[in-house]
Amino acid sequence: MNWTCDETRRHLLRQDELSEEALEHLTQCAVCQEMMELSTITDLDSISNDAAIDVANLLSHTRLELSREQGLLAWLRSRSTPLRLCLGVGVALLPAMAQLVFARRYDLSDYPLPRLFLVVATYLVIVAFSSNTLLSPLYRPQSPTALRSAVGLAFIVPFVFAAMAPAHVPATVVPVPADVHHALLYQAWICLRYGTLLSLPAVLLFVAMDRQLARGRFFLTLTACTGGIAGNFVLLLHCSNEQPAHQLLGHATVGLALLAGTGTVAMLARKRPRNASRGSD
C-alpha cells in the first residue's frame, strides 16, 4: 500500500474526493481516520480559502493526542476497523461456541433442524450487522436508519422467538418436585443470570473499542441489545426448557438486563463530572 498520511493531508487541503486506495488506507490508519473525523466537524464550504483549516496542524495535533493514549483501551481503539470487527464478533460468539463444544443441552439432537437453523442464522446475521454498525469507521458513519434498524432487530427478535410454541416436546416427562428451586421465576433467574454474565464481555469490548468513547444513547442501546442476542444464543444451546413463559422471562430479557445495567452506568458517569465541577466551585 503506497498511500501515506501526508497524501491524505494534501487531499484534505485540496478538498478532493478520496480514491479507492485512499479509502483502503483509511481502514488501516487511525491517524487518518481521526483527521477525517475532525475535518468534517468544520464546514469547509462555508469558510474562505484564507481561513481554511490548517490540516498540517491538525495532523500534528492528532498524532500528539494519539501518542498520549496508552494502555489496553488505546491499543484497542487504534486497531484497524476489520480487526476490531473480527474481535467484536468473535468475543460475542465465543460463549455460544464454547457452550456447543463443551456443555451443549442434552436434547439438542431432538431439536427440529429447520427451526434450529432459522434461529442460529438469525442470531448470526444480527450479531454481524450490529457489530458492523457499532464499529463503523469515523469517516464512514452509519445512517440513523441503519442504527435504528439494528436496535429494533436486536431487541425484538429474542422476544419473537421466545413467544413461539415449544420447538419440541420431550419424550419423557420428568416429574417436577414441589421445591422452590424448580419454580418458574427461580429457573428464569438462573438462565437470565447465566446469559447476562456470558454476554457481558462482548458488551464491555464493544464499549472499549469505540473511538468516540461510547457516546450516544443509541450506541449504548445497540451494544446492550447485541449482548442480549449473544446471551440468547448461549441459552439456546444451554437450556432445554422450551416453555414460552420461561423463554420470555429468562432468555429474552437478557438484553433488557444489559440495557438497564449500561443505562445505570452511563447515568452515574454523567453525574460524576457535574458533582466534580460543583465541588470545585
C-alpha atoms as a PDB file:
ATOM      1  CA  MET A   1       0.000   0.000   0.000  1.00  0.00           C
ATOM      2  CA  ASN A   2       1.665   3.260  -1.214  1.00  0.00           C
ATOM      3  CA  TRP A   3      -0.783   5.767   0.249  1.00  0.00           C
ATOM      4  CA  THR A   4       0.557   7.860   3.125  1.00  0.00           C
ATOM      5  CA  CYS A   5      -0.831  10.183   5.783  1.00  0.00           C
ATOM      6  CA  ASP A   6       0.771  13.160   4.025  1.00  0.00           C
ATOM      7  CA  GLU A   7      -1.235  12.403   0.892  1.00  0.00           C
ATOM      8  CA  THR A   8      -4.393  12.335   2.993  1.00  0.00           C
ATOM      9  CA  ARG A   9      -3.422  15.751   4.365  1.00  0.00           C
ATOM     10  CA  ARG A  10      -2.891  17.121   0.859  1.00  0.00           C
ATOM     11  CA  HIS A  11      -6.255  15.776  -0.281  1.00  0.00           C
ATOM     12  CA  LEU A  12      -7.947  17.480   2.651  1.00  0.00           C
ATOM     13  CA  LEU A  13      -6.242  20.750   1.758  1.00  0.00           C
ATOM     14  CA  ARG A  14      -7.461  20.488  -1.839  1.00  0.00           C
ATOM     15  CA  GLN A  15     -10.821  19.078  -0.716  1.00  0.00           C
ATOM     16  CA  ASP A  16     -10.546  16.311  -3.314  1.00  0.00           C
ATOM     17  CA  GLU A  17     -12.513  13.104  -3.235  1.00  0.00           C
ATOM     18  CA  LEU A  18     -10.539  10.176  -1.869  1.00  0.00           C
ATOM     19  CA  SER A  19      -9.661   7.325  -4.200  1.00  0.00           C
ATOM     20  CA  GLU A  20     -10.154   3.626  -3.505  1.00  0.00           C
ATOM     21  CA  GLU A  21      -6.508   3.369  -2.479  1.00  0.00           C
ATOM     22  CA  ALA A  22      -7.022   6.187  -0.018  1.00  0.00           C
ATOM     23  CA  LEU A  23     -10.131   4.574   1.437  1.00  0.00           C
ATOM     24  CA  GLU A  24      -8.243   1.310   1.849  1.00  0.00           C
ATOM     25  CA  HIS A  25      -5.502   3.168   3.707  1.00  0.00           C
ATOM     26  CA  LEU A  26      -8.086   4.850   5.937  1.00  0.00           C
ATOM     27  CA  THR A  27      -9.417   1.494   7.108  1.00  0.00           C
ATOM     28  CA  GLN A  28      -5.950   0.687   8.475  1.00  0.00           C
ATOM     29  CA  CYS A  29      -4.732   4.077   9.759  1.00  0.00           C
ATOM     30  CA  ALA A  30      -6.135   5.511  12.978  1.00  0.00           C
ATOM     31  CA  VAL A  31      -4.342   8.855  12.417  1.00  0.00           C
ATOM     32  CA  CYS A  32      -6.041   9.460   9.067  1.00  0.00           C
ATOM     33  CA  GLN A  33      -9.396   8.406  10.471  1.00  0.00           C
ATOM     34  CA  GLU A  34      -9.048  10.970  13.249  1.00  0.00           C
ATOM     35  CA  MET A  35      -8.100  13.624  10.679  1.00  0.00           C
ATOM     36  CA  MET A  36     -11.149  12.851   8.575  1.00  0.00           C
ATOM     37  CA  GLU A  37     -13.399  12.969  11.620  1.00  0.00           C
ATOM     38  CA  LEU A  38     -12.042  16.295  12.827  1.00  0.00           C
ATOM     39  CA  SER A  39     -12.090  17.838   9.373  1.00  0.00           C
ATOM     40  CA  THR A  40     -15.767  17.035   8.884  1.00  0.00           C
ATOM     41  CA  ILE A  41     -16.644  18.900  12.059  1.00  0.00           C
ATOM     42  CA  THR A  42     -15.719  22.139  10.303  1.00  0.00           C
ATOM     43  CA  ASP A  43     -17.886  23.190   7.372  1.00  0.00           C
ATOM     44  CA  LEU A  44     -15.167  23.695   4.788  1.00  0.00           C
ATOM     45  CA  ASP A  45     -17.586  25.011   2.197  1.00  0.00           C
ATOM     46  CA  SER A  46     -18.704  27.886   4.394  1.00  0.00           C
ATOM     47  CA  ILE A  47     -15.271  29.373   5.034  1.00  0.00           C
ATOM     48  CA  SER A  48     -12.932  31.204   2.751  1.00  0.00           C
ATOM     49  CA  ASN A  49      -9.646  29.882   1.435  1.00  0.00           C
ATOM     50  CA  ASP A  50      -7.740  32.256   3.719  1.00  0.00           C
ATOM     51  CA  ALA A  51      -9.482  30.852   6.791  1.00  0.00           C
ATOM     52  CA  ALA A  52      -9.289  27.223   5.643  1.00  0.00           C
ATOM     53  CA  ILE A  53      -8.484  24.609   8.237  1.00  0.00           C
ATOM     54  CA  ASP A  54      -4.766  24.084   8.813  1.00  0.00           C
ATOM     55  CA  VAL A  55      -4.503  20.384   8.056  1.00  0.00           C
ATOM     56  CA  ALA A  56      -0.794  20.276   8.879  1.00  0.00           C
ATOM     57  CA  ASN A  57      -1.501  21.434  12.426  1.00  0.00           C
ATOM     58  CA  LEU A  58      -4.468  19.097  12.542  1.00  0.00           C
ATOM     59  CA  LEU A  59      -2.217  16.171  11.620  1.00  0.00           C
ATOM     60  CA  SER A  60       0.378  17.052  14.239  1.00  0.00           C
ATOM     61  CA  HIS A  61      -2.303  17.636  16.875  1.00  0.00           C
ATOM     62  CA  THR A  62      -3.919  14.292  16.077  1.00  0.00           C
ATOM     63  CA  ARG A  63      -0.612  12.459  16.313  1.00  0.00           C
ATOM     64  CA  LEU A  64       0.115  14.188  19.623  1.00  0.00           C
ATOM     65  CA  GLU A  65      -3.268  13.190  21.054  1.00  0.00           C
ATOM     66  CA  LEU A  66      -2.822   9.597  19.903  1.00  0.00           C
ATOM     67  CA  SER A  67       0.674   9.437  21.397  1.00  0.00           C
ATOM     68  CA  ARG A  68      -0.758  10.432  24.779  1.00  0.00           C
ATOM     69  CA  GLU A  69      -3.113   7.457  24.793  1.00  0.00           C
ATOM     70  CA  GLN A  70      -1.629   4.446  26.497  1.00  0.00           C
ATOM     71  CA  GLY A  71      -2.818   1.129  27.810  1.00  0.00           C
ATOM     72  CA  LEU A  72      -5.183  -1.543  26.597  1.00  0.00           C
ATOM     73  CA  LEU A  73      -8.062   0.800  25.712  1.00  0.00           C
ATOM     74  CA  ALA A  74      -5.855   2.939  23.498  1.00  0.00           C
ATOM     75  CA  TRP A  75      -4.479  -0.177  21.813  1.00  0.00           C
ATOM     76  CA  LEU A  76      -7.973  -1.493  21.102  1.00  0.00           C
ATOM     77  CA  ARG A  77      -9.221   1.807  19.676  1.00  0.00           C
ATOM     78  CA  SER A  78      -6.149   2.137  17.456  1.00  0.00           C
ATOM     79  CA  ARG A  79      -6.683  -1.221  15.733  1.00  0.00           C
ATOM     80  CA  SER A  80      -7.985  -1.232  12.188  1.00  0.00           C
ATOM     81  CA  THR A  81     -11.725  -1.474  11.649  1.00  0.00           C
ATOM     82  CA  PRO A  82     -11.634  -5.028  10.178  1.00  0.00           C
ATOM     83  CA  LEU A  83      -9.618  -6.247  13.157  1.00  0.00           C
ATOM     84  CA  ARG A  84     -11.946  -4.587  15.668  1.00  0.00           C
ATOM     85  CA  LEU A  85     -14.905  -6.097  13.840  1.00  0.00           C
ATOM     86  CA  CYS A  86     -13.383  -9.576  13.991  1.00  0.00           C
ATOM     87  CA  LEU A  87     -12.626  -9.139  17.691  1.00  0.00           C
ATOM     88  CA  GLY A  88     -16.150  -7.954  18.472  1.00  0.00           C
ATOM     89  CA  VAL A  89     -17.921 -10.714  16.557  1.00  0.00           C
ATOM     90  CA  GLY A  90     -15.515 -13.333  17.895  1.00  0.00           C
ATOM     91  CA  VAL A  91     -15.972 -12.400  21.542  1.00  0.00           C
ATOM     92  CA  ALA A  92     -19.762 -12.154  21.097  1.00  0.00           C
ATOM     93  CA  LEU A  93     -19.964 -15.666  19.613  1.00  0.00           C
ATOM     94  CA  LEU A  94     -17.251 -17.342  21.680  1.00  0.00           C
ATOM     95  CA  PRO A  95     -19.513 -18.263  24.657  1.00  0.00           C
ATOM     96  CA  ALA A  96     -22.025 -19.928  22.322  1.00  0.00           C
ATOM     97  CA  MET A  97     -19.278 -21.889  20.568  1.00  0.00           C
ATOM     98  CA  ALA A  98     -17.839 -22.989  23.910  1.00  0.00           C
ATOM     99  CA  GLN A  99     -21.322 -23.998  25.067  1.00  0.00           C
ATOM    100  CA  LEU A 100     -21.830 -26.075  21.926  1.00  0.00           C
ATOM    101  CA  VAL A 101     -18.496 -27.846  22.248  1.00  0.00           C
ATOM    102  CA  PHE A 102     -18.254 -28.423  25.989  1.00  0.00           C
ATOM    103  CA  ALA A 103     -21.737 -28.258  27.568  1.00  0.00           C
ATOM    104  CA  ARG A 104     -24.478 -28.470  24.977  1.00  0.00           C
ATOM    105  CA  ARG A 105     -28.036 -29.233  26.069  1.00  0.00           C
ATOM    106  CA  TYR A 106     -28.835 -32.931  26.307  1.00  0.00           C
ATOM    107  CA  ASP A 107     -31.781 -32.780  23.892  1.00  0.00           C
ATOM    108  CA  LEU A 108     -30.110 -30.782  21.142  1.00  0.00           C
ATOM    109  CA  SER A 109     -30.283 -33.769  18.792  1.00  0.00           C
ATOM    110  CA  ASP A 110     -34.088 -33.739  19.159  1.00  0.00           C
ATOM    111  CA  TYR A 111     -34.391 -30.057  18.288  1.00  0.00           C
ATOM    112  CA  PRO A 112     -36.030 -29.615  14.860  1.00  0.00           C
ATOM    113  CA  LEU A 113     -33.256 -28.738  12.413  1.00  0.00           C
ATOM    114  CA  PRO A 114     -35.224 -26.190  10.320  1.00  0.00           C
ATOM    115  CA  ARG A 115     -36.081 -24.124  13.368  1.00  0.00           C
ATOM    116  CA  LEU A 116     -32.579 -24.517  14.794  1.00  0.00           C
ATOM    117  CA  PHE A 117     -31.042 -23.277  11.551  1.00  0.00           C
ATOM    118  CA  LEU A 118     -33.509 -20.383  11.433  1.00  0.00           C
ATOM    119  CA  VAL A 119     -32.697 -19.221  14.956  1.00  0.00           C
ATOM    120  CA  VAL A 120     -28.936 -19.674  14.604  1.00  0.00           C
ATOM    121  CA  ALA A 121     -28.817 -17.920  11.211  1.00  0.00           C
ATOM    122  CA  THR A 122     -30.896 -15.029  12.543  1.00  0.00           C
ATOM    123  CA  TYR A 123     -28.642 -14.583  15.566  1.00  0.00           C
ATOM    124  CA  LEU A 124     -25.500 -14.679  13.401  1.00  0.00           C
ATOM    125  CA  VAL A 125     -26.862 -12.096  10.963  1.00  0.00           C
ATOM    126  CA  ILE A 126     -27.932  -9.743  13.760  1.00  0.00           C
ATOM    127  CA  VAL A 127     -24.579 -10.031  15.547  1.00  0.00           C
ATOM    128  CA  ALA A 128     -22.696  -9.297  12.314  1.00  0.00           C
ATOM    129  CA  PHE A 129     -24.989  -6.420  11.330  1.00  0.00           C
ATOM    130  CA  SER A 130     -24.970  -4.856  14.791  1.00  0.00           C
ATOM    131  CA  SER A 131     -21.199  -5.220  15.162  1.00  0.00           C
ATOM    132  CA  ASN A 132     -20.621  -3.581  11.791  1.00  0.00           C
ATOM    133  CA  THR A 133     -22.903  -0.724  12.844  1.00  0.00           C
ATOM    134  CA  LEU A 134     -21.214  -0.261  16.212  1.00  0.00           C
ATOM    135  CA  LEU A 135     -17.661  -0.322  14.845  1.00  0.00           C
ATOM    136  CA  SER A 136     -18.118   1.679  11.658  1.00  0.00           C
ATOM    137  CA  PRO A 137     -15.143   3.941  10.799  1.00  0.00           C
ATOM    138  CA  LEU A 138     -15.334   7.576  11.804  1.00  0.00           C
ATOM    139  CA  TYR A 139     -15.083   8.737   8.199  1.00  0.00           C
ATOM    140  CA  ARG A 140     -17.937   6.470   7.132  1.00  0.00           C
ATOM    141  CA  PRO A 141     -20.649   6.835   9.804  1.00  0.00           C
ATOM    142  CA  GLN A 142     -23.736   4.687   9.748  1.00  0.00           C
ATOM    143  CA  SER A 143     -27.043   6.273   8.907  1.00  0.00           C
ATOM    144  CA  PRO A 144     -29.630   6.737  11.671  1.00  0.00           C
ATOM    145  CA  THR A 145     -31.879   4.328   9.777  1.00  0.00           C
ATOM    146  CA  ALA A 146     -29.294   1.552   9.955  1.00  0.00           C
ATOM    147  CA  LEU A 147     -28.716   2.237  13.638  1.00  0.00           C
ATOM    148  CA  ARG A 148     -32.420   2.156  14.491  1.00  0.00           C
ATOM    149  CA  SER A 149     -32.927  -0.989  12.401  1.00  0.00           C
ATOM    150  CA  ALA A 150     -30.114  -2.770  14.208  1.00  0.00           C
ATOM    151  CA  VAL A 151     -31.511  -1.736  17.603  1.00  0.00           C
ATOM    152  CA  GLY A 152     -35.019  -2.874  16.670  1.00  0.00           C
ATOM    153  CA  LEU A 153     -33.896  -6.256  15.368  1.00  0.00           C
ATOM    154  CA  ALA A 154     -31.578  -6.998  18.270  1.00  0.00           C
ATOM    155  CA  PHE A 155     -34.247  -6.062  20.814  1.00  0.00           C
ATOM    156  CA  ILE A 156     -37.380  -7.596  19.283  1.00  0.00           C
ATOM    157  CA  VAL A 157     -36.141 -10.871  17.773  1.00  0.00           C
ATOM    158  CA  PRO A 158     -35.433 -12.640  21.126  1.00  0.00           C
ATOM    159  CA  PHE A 159     -38.993 -11.901  22.283  1.00  0.00           C
ATOM    160  CA  VAL A 160     -40.414 -13.193  18.988  1.00  0.00           C
ATOM    161  CA  PHE A 161     -38.543 -16.494  19.273  1.00  0.00           C
ATOM    162  CA  ALA A 162     -39.396 -16.795  22.973  1.00  0.00           C
ATOM    163  CA  ALA A 163     -43.123 -16.329  22.328  1.00  0.00           C
ATOM    164  CA  MET A 164     -43.241 -19.089  19.709  1.00  0.00           C
ATOM    165  CA  ALA A 165     -44.611 -22.524  20.508  1.00  0.00           C
ATOM    166  CA  PRO A 166     -42.117 -25.000  22.024  1.00  0.00           C
ATOM    167  CA  ALA A 167     -39.780 -26.400  19.401  1.00  0.00           C
ATOM    168  CA  HIS A 168     -40.349 -29.957  20.599  1.00  0.00           C
ATOM    169  CA  VAL A 169     -41.914 -31.929  23.436  1.00  0.00           C
ATOM    170  CA  PRO A 170     -39.564 -34.127  25.496  1.00  0.00           C
ATOM    171  CA  ALA A 171     -40.133 -37.830  25.013  1.00  0.00           C
ATOM    172  CA  THR A 172     -40.070 -38.451  28.742  1.00  0.00           C
ATOM    173  CA  VAL A 173     -41.623 -36.032  31.187  1.00  0.00           C
ATOM    174  CA  VAL A 174     -39.681 -35.722  34.426  1.00  0.00           C
ATOM    175  CA  PRO A 175     -41.913 -35.033  37.435  1.00  0.00           C
ATOM    176  CA  VAL A 176     -41.204 -31.683  38.999  1.00  0.00           C
ATOM    177  CA  PRO A 177     -40.760 -31.871  42.780  1.00  0.00           C
ATOM    178  CA  ALA A 178     -42.557 -29.344  44.920  1.00  0.00           C
ATOM    179  CA  ASP A 179     -39.423 -27.358  45.594  1.00  0.00           C
ATOM    180  CA  VAL A 180     -38.670 -23.662  45.218  1.00  0.00           C
ATOM    181  CA  HIS A 181     -35.592 -24.390  43.102  1.00  0.00           C
ATOM    182  CA  HIS A 182     -37.864 -25.616  40.316  1.00  0.00           C
ATOM    183  CA  ALA A 183     -40.248 -22.697  40.423  1.00  0.00           C
ATOM    184  CA  LEU A 184     -40.728 -20.703  37.262  1.00  0.00           C
ATOM    185  CA  LEU A 185     -39.177 -17.491  38.498  1.00  0.00           C
ATOM    186  CA  TYR A 186     -36.173 -19.226  40.009  1.00  0.00           C
ATOM    187  CA  GLN A 187     -35.414 -21.162  36.811  1.00  0.00           C
ATOM    188  CA  ALA A 188     -35.843 -17.997  34.777  1.00  0.00           C
ATOM    189  CA  TRP A 189     -33.466 -16.149  37.090  1.00  0.00           C
ATOM    190  CA  ILE A 190     -30.811 -18.839  36.642  1.00  0.00           C
ATOM    191  CA  CYS A 191     -30.946 -18.539  32.858  1.00  0.00           C
ATOM    192  CA  LEU A 192     -31.091 -14.738  32.957  1.00  0.00           C
ATOM    193  CA  ARG A 193     -28.020 -14.588  35.153  1.00  0.00           C
ATOM    194  CA  TYR A 194     -26.164 -17.148  33.054  1.00  0.00           C
ATOM    195  CA  GLY A 195     -26.859 -15.446  29.730  1.00  0.00           C
ATOM    196  CA  THR A 196     -26.133 -11.964  31.074  1.00  0.00           C
ATOM    197  CA  LEU A 197     -22.788 -12.872  32.609  1.00  0.00           C
ATOM    198  CA  LEU A 198     -21.564 -14.686  29.499  1.00  0.00           C
ATOM    199  CA  SER A 199     -22.566 -11.824  27.194  1.00  0.00           C
ATOM    200  CA  LEU A 200     -21.087  -9.090  29.395  1.00  0.00           C
ATOM    201  CA  PRO A 201     -17.518  -9.409  27.989  1.00  0.00           C
ATOM    202  CA  ALA A 202     -18.787  -8.640  24.482  1.00  0.00           C
ATOM    203  CA  VAL A 203     -20.615  -5.538  25.735  1.00  0.00           C
ATOM    204  CA  LEU A 204     -17.509  -4.276  27.526  1.00  0.00           C
ATOM    205  CA  LEU A 205     -15.349  -4.941  24.468  1.00  0.00           C
ATOM    206  CA  PHE A 206     -17.654  -3.013  22.128  1.00  0.00           C
ATOM    207  CA  VAL A 207     -17.593  -0.054  24.508  1.00  0.00           C
ATOM    208  CA  ALA A 208     -13.815  -0.254  24.845  1.00  0.00           C
ATOM    209  CA  MET A 209     -13.230  -0.330  21.080  1.00  0.00           C
ATOM    210  CA  ASP A 210     -15.474   2.617  20.261  1.00  0.00           C
ATOM    211  CA  ARG A 211     -13.382   5.572  19.099  1.00  0.00           C
ATOM    212  CA  GLN A 212     -15.971   8.098  20.255  1.00  0.00           C
ATOM    213  CA  LEU A 213     -15.838   6.776  23.821  1.00  0.00           C
ATOM    214  CA  ALA A 214     -19.282   5.138  23.683  1.00  0.00           C
ATOM    215  CA  ARG A 215     -21.121   8.435  23.393  1.00  0.00           C
ATOM    216  CA  GLY A 216     -24.765   8.393  22.428  1.00  0.00           C
ATOM    217  CA  ARG A 217     -27.758   6.542  23.773  1.00  0.00           C
ATOM    218  CA  PHE A 218     -28.281   4.664  20.515  1.00  0.00           C
ATOM    219  CA  PHE A 219     -24.761   3.260  20.717  1.00  0.00           C
ATOM    220  CA  LEU A 220     -25.245   2.041  24.280  1.00  0.00           C
ATOM    221  CA  THR A 221     -28.697   0.653  23.456  1.00  0.00           C
ATOM    222  CA  LEU A 222     -27.398  -1.272  20.459  1.00  0.00           C
ATOM    223  CA  THR A 223     -24.422  -2.528  22.481  1.00  0.00           C
ATOM    224  CA  ALA A 224     -26.725  -3.912  25.173  1.00  0.00           C
ATOM    225  CA  CYS A 225     -29.134  -5.454  22.670  1.00  0.00           C
ATOM    226  CA  THR A 226     -26.265  -7.069  20.769  1.00  0.00           C
ATOM    227  CA  GLY A 227     -25.120  -8.556  24.051  1.00  0.00           C
ATOM    228  CA  GLY A 228     -28.671  -9.784  24.535  1.00  0.00           C
ATOM    229  CA  ILE A 229     -28.514 -11.629  21.206  1.00  0.00           C
ATOM    230  CA  ALA A 230     -25.207 -13.208  22.238  1.00  0.00           C
ATOM    231  CA  GLY A 231     -26.729 -14.266  25.557  1.00  0.00           C
ATOM    232  CA  ASN A 232     -29.792 -15.769  23.879  1.00  0.00           C
ATOM    233  CA  PHE A 233     -27.514 -17.709  21.532  1.00  0.00           C
ATOM    234  CA  VAL A 234     -25.775 -19.245  24.553  1.00  0.00           C
ATOM    235  CA  LEU A 235     -29.077 -20.079  26.241  1.00  0.00           C
ATOM    236  CA  LEU A 236     -30.385 -21.714  23.063  1.00  0.00           C
ATOM    237  CA  LEU A 237     -27.553 -24.241  23.336  1.00  0.00           C
ATOM    238  CA  HIS A 238     -27.689 -24.480  27.134  1.00  0.00           C
ATOM    239  CA  CYS A 239     -31.302 -24.589  28.330  1.00  0.00           C
ATOM    240  CA  SER A 240     -33.755 -27.343  27.395  1.00  0.00           C
ATOM    241  CA  ASN A 241     -36.802 -25.582  28.841  1.00  0.00           C
ATOM    242  CA  GLU A 242     -38.894 -24.656  25.788  1.00  0.00           C
ATOM    243  CA  GLN A 243     -41.895 -23.219  27.605  1.00  0.00           C
ATOM    244  CA  PRO A 244     -42.723 -19.696  26.372  1.00  0.00           C
ATOM    245  CA  ALA A 245     -43.114 -18.339  29.901  1.00  0.00           C
ATOM    246  CA  HIS A 246     -39.602 -19.454  30.820  1.00  0.00           C
ATOM    247  CA  GLN A 247     -38.187 -18.240  27.500  1.00  0.00           C
ATOM    248  CA  LEU A 248     -39.760 -14.800  27.884  1.00  0.00           C
ATOM    249  CA  LEU A 249     -38.693 -14.321  31.494  1.00  0.00           C
ATOM    250  CA  GLY A 250     -35.264 -15.972  31.451  1.00  0.00           C
ATOM    251  CA  HIS A 251     -33.968 -15.700  27.887  1.00  0.00           C
ATOM    252  CA  ALA A 252     -35.447 -12.743  26.030  1.00  0.00           C
ATOM    253  CA  THR A 253     -34.847 -10.393  28.965  1.00  0.00           C
ATOM    254  CA  VAL A 254     -31.036 -10.705  28.807  1.00  0.00           C
ATOM    255  CA  GLY A 255     -30.937  -7.647  26.557  1.00  0.00           C
ATOM    256  CA  LEU A 256     -33.159  -5.742  28.971  1.00  0.00           C
ATOM    257  CA  ALA A 257     -30.874  -6.600  31.893  1.00  0.00           C
ATOM    258  CA  LEU A 258     -27.829  -5.414  29.968  1.00  0.00           C
ATOM    259  CA  LEU A 259     -29.685  -2.286  28.866  1.00  0.00           C
ATOM    260  CA  ALA A 260     -30.604  -1.464  32.457  1.00  0.00           C
ATOM    261  CA  GLY A 261     -27.013  -2.001  33.545  1.00  0.00           C
ATOM    262  CA  THR A 262     -25.441   0.144  30.807  1.00  0.00           C
ATOM    263  CA  GLY A 263     -28.044   2.851  31.363  1.00  0.00           C
ATOM    264  CA  THR A 264     -27.292   2.958  35.077  1.00  0.00           C
ATOM    265  CA  VAL A 265     -23.540   3.138  34.492  1.00  0.00           C
ATOM    266  CA  ALA A 266     -23.991   5.898  31.883  1.00  0.00           C
ATOM    267  CA  MET A 267     -26.145   7.954  34.272  1.00  0.00           C
ATOM    268  CA  LEU A 268     -23.619   7.606  37.076  1.00  0.00           C
ATOM    269  CA  ALA A 269     -20.751   8.536  34.750  1.00  0.00           C
ATOM    270  CA  ARG A 270     -22.667  11.612  33.605  1.00  0.00           C
ATOM    271  CA  LYS A 271     -23.299  12.754  37.154  1.00  0.00           C
ATOM    272  CA  ARG A 272     -19.687  12.444  38.295  1.00  0.00           C
ATOM    273  CA  PRO A 273     -18.335  15.355  36.220  1.00  0.00           C
ATOM    274  CA  ARG A 274     -21.227  17.536  37.367  1.00  0.00           C
ATOM    275  CA  ASN A 275     -20.554  16.746  41.005  1.00  0.00           C
ATOM    276  CA  ALA A 276     -16.845  17.361  40.483  1.00  0.00           C
ATOM    277  CA  SER A 277     -17.492  20.755  38.885  1.00  0.00           C
ATOM    278  CA  ARG A 278     -19.833  21.750  41.710  1.00  0.00           C
ATOM    279  CA  GLY A 279     -17.228  20.739  44.249  1.00  0.00           C
ATOM    280  CA  SER A 280     -14.589  22.877  42.551  1.00  0.00           C
ATOM    281  CA  ASP A 281     -16.932  25.877  42.613  1.00  0.00           C
END
